[in-house]
């Protein structure tokens, strides 16, 4: 789990560092950074690829290093059996496809519920499973994520 967080953090840095360097000046609160659509698309694709590689390559380590950190001394990213999603990426892919098909960057609560009911029906756990059950009872996001309803 910590490895996945580290890989996700590195992915975010990979998105930010080139943009900051491209500006060739310190990024300030009032500074505006302009990026081409191609650059933004490239960075998003790279971040998603990093997420996918991190998830799949990290699976053999997941839940092993709870009491003590692991000692991974050799690591080469690879997908010898091909790529697939797991519970850490299933939601993102469903959302991304829907946003691309609709040409929007935000999905309504009703659209999210419909997507979950159509695509999110197995191999998910904990808060996500509870949220899905709340949706079956008629509750919509963001309420499905509130601790008062979803412990």
Protein backbone atom coordinates (compact mmCIF):
# COMPACT_ATOMS: atom_id res chain seq x y z
CA UNK A 1 0.00 0.00 0.00
CA UNK A 2 2.77 2.44 0.91
CA UNK A 3 4.51 1.52 -2.34
CA UNK A 4 1.37 2.41 -4.29
CA UNK A 5 1.15 5.75 -2.51
CA UNK A 6 4.83 6.42 -3.23
CA UNK A 7 4.39 5.55 -6.91
CA UNK A 8 1.28 7.76 -7.13
CA UNK A 9 3.23 10.60 -5.47
CA UNK A 10 6.07 10.15 -7.96
CA UNK A 11 3.51 10.25 -10.77
CA UNK A 12 2.14 13.56 -9.50
CA UNK A 13 5.67 14.95 -9.24
CA UNK A 14 6.33 13.79 -12.79
CA UNK A 15 3.39 15.93 -13.85
CA UNK A 16 4.47 19.01 -11.92
CA UNK A 17 8.28 19.14 -12.22
CA UNK A 18 8.45 19.50 -16.03
CA UNK A 19 5.80 22.21 -15.93
CA UNK A 20 7.69 24.15 -13.27
CA UNK A 21 10.99 23.73 -15.13
CA UNK A 22 9.36 24.79 -18.39
CA UNK A 23 8.39 28.08 -16.84
CA UNK A 24 12.10 28.64 -16.04
CA UNK A 25 11.18 30.68 -12.99
CA UNK A 26 9.89 29.96 -9.50
CA UNK A 27 6.19 29.23 -9.53
CA UNK A 28 4.36 31.85 -7.49
CA UNK A 29 0.75 32.12 -6.45
CA UNK A 30 0.20 34.89 -9.01
CA UNK A 31 2.11 33.19 -11.82
CA UNK A 32 0.25 31.74 -14.77
CA UNK A 33 1.60 28.67 -16.47
CA UNK A 34 0.46 27.94 -19.98
CA UNK A 35 0.66 24.42 -21.34
CA UNK A 36 -0.48 23.15 -24.70
CA UNK A 37 -3.34 20.67 -24.82
CA UNK A 38 -0.88 18.07 -26.19
CA UNK A 39 1.42 18.58 -23.18
CA UNK A 40 -1.44 18.25 -20.71
CA UNK A 41 -2.73 15.13 -22.47
CA UNK A 42 0.78 13.63 -22.43
CA UNK A 43 1.15 14.31 -18.70
CA UNK A 44 -2.26 12.81 -17.92
CA UNK A 45 -1.49 9.69 -19.96
CA UNK A 46 1.87 9.37 -18.22
CA UNK A 47 0.24 9.69 -14.81
CA UNK A 48 -2.34 7.03 -15.65
CA UNK A 49 0.34 4.70 -17.00
CA UNK A 50 2.34 5.23 -13.79
CA UNK A 51 -0.77 4.47 -11.74
CA UNK A 52 -1.43 1.28 -13.70
CA UNK A 53 2.20 0.09 -13.51
CA UNK A 54 2.34 0.90 -9.80
CA UNK A 55 -0.86 -1.00 -9.07
CA UNK A 56 0.03 -4.10 -11.04
CA UNK A 57 3.71 -4.26 -10.10
CA UNK A 58 2.89 -3.57 -6.47
CA UNK A 59 0.33 -6.36 -6.11
CA UNK A 60 2.91 -8.95 -5.01
CA UNK A 61 3.85 -6.60 -2.16
CA UNK A 62 0.36 -5.50 -1.14
CA UNK A 63 -0.50 -6.13 2.52
CA UNK A 64 2.92 -7.74 3.24
CA UNK A 65 4.73 -4.89 4.97
CA UNK A 66 2.29 -3.73 7.62
CA UNK A 67 4.35 -4.11 10.79
CA UNK A 68 7.71 -3.41 9.14
CA UNK A 69 8.64 -1.72 5.85
CA UNK A 70 9.60 -3.98 2.99
CA UNK A 71 13.08 -4.28 1.58
CA UNK A 72 12.64 -4.14 -2.18
CA UNK A 73 16.17 -4.10 -3.58
CA UNK A 74 15.43 -4.81 -7.23
CA UNK A 75 12.51 -3.42 -9.20
CA UNK A 76 11.91 -3.31 -12.93
CA UNK A 77 8.43 -2.18 -14.03
CA UNK A 78 6.91 -4.74 -16.37
CA UNK A 79 3.59 -6.21 -17.37
CA UNK A 80 4.57 -9.66 -18.71
CA UNK A 81 0.96 -10.88 -18.54
CA UNK A 82 -0.49 -7.69 -20.00
CA UNK A 83 -2.40 -4.92 -18.27
CA UNK A 84 -5.69 -5.12 -16.43
CA UNK A 85 -7.45 -3.04 -13.82
CA UNK A 86 -7.79 -3.81 -10.17
CA UNK A 87 -9.80 -2.30 -7.34
CA UNK A 88 -7.39 0.66 -7.20
CA UNK A 89 -8.06 1.72 -10.81
CA UNK A 90 -11.49 0.34 -11.76
CA UNK A 91 -13.34 3.50 -10.77
CA UNK A 92 -10.95 5.84 -12.56
CA UNK A 93 -11.26 4.02 -15.88
CA UNK A 94 -15.05 3.99 -15.68
CA UNK A 95 -15.09 7.73 -14.97
CA UNK A 96 -12.54 8.58 -17.67
CA UNK A 97 -14.40 6.71 -20.38
CA UNK A 98 -17.70 8.33 -19.39
CA UNK A 99 -16.14 11.82 -19.31
CA UNK A 100 -14.54 11.26 -22.70
CA UNK A 101 -17.75 9.93 -24.27
CA UNK A 102 -19.80 12.83 -22.87
CA UNK A 103 -17.13 15.48 -23.51
CA UNK A 104 -17.28 16.72 -19.90
CA UNK A 105 -14.87 17.02 -16.99
CA UNK A 106 -17.47 16.62 -14.24
CA UNK A 107 -20.07 13.89 -13.82
CA UNK A 108 -23.30 14.44 -11.92
CA UNK A 109 -24.20 12.36 -8.87
CA UNK A 110 -26.89 10.63 -10.94
CA UNK A 111 -24.38 9.76 -13.66
CA UNK A 112 -21.95 8.35 -11.09
CA UNK A 113 -24.67 6.18 -9.55
CA UNK A 114 -25.68 4.89 -12.99
CA UNK A 115 -22.04 4.10 -13.83
CA UNK A 116 -21.53 2.25 -10.54
CA UNK A 117 -24.72 0.24 -10.99
CA UNK A 118 -23.67 -0.73 -14.51
CA UNK A 119 -19.94 -1.37 -13.99
CA UNK A 120 -18.99 -1.57 -10.30
CA UNK A 121 -20.51 -4.83 -9.11
CA UNK A 122 -17.74 -7.16 -7.97
CA UNK A 123 -14.27 -7.31 -6.45
CA UNK A 124 -14.43 -4.13 -4.41
CA UNK A 125 -14.30 -3.78 -0.66
CA UNK A 126 -14.71 -1.67 2.44
CA UNK A 127 -15.92 1.89 1.91
CA UNK A 128 -16.47 1.34 -1.81
CA UNK A 129 -18.66 -1.69 -1.16
CA UNK A 130 -20.61 0.22 1.47
CA UNK A 131 -21.04 3.16 -0.93
CA UNK A 132 -22.35 0.80 -3.61
CA UNK A 133 -24.86 -0.67 -1.15
CA UNK A 134 -26.00 2.84 -0.19
CA UNK A 135 -26.54 3.59 -3.88
CA UNK A 136 -28.79 0.54 -4.10
CA UNK A 137 -30.82 2.10 -1.29
CA UNK A 138 -31.21 5.31 -3.28
CA UNK A 139 -28.44 7.44 -1.77
CA UNK A 140 -26.22 9.49 -4.09
CA UNK A 141 -22.68 10.87 -3.84
CA UNK A 142 -21.31 12.74 -2.02
CA UNK A 143 -23.54 11.40 0.78
CA UNK A 144 -22.36 7.85 0.05
CA UNK A 145 -18.90 8.90 1.23
CA UNK A 146 -19.93 10.73 4.40
CA UNK A 147 -18.72 8.99 7.55
CA UNK A 148 -22.19 9.38 9.08
CA UNK A 149 -23.51 6.94 6.46
CA UNK A 150 -20.38 5.07 5.40
CA UNK A 151 -18.18 4.08 8.36
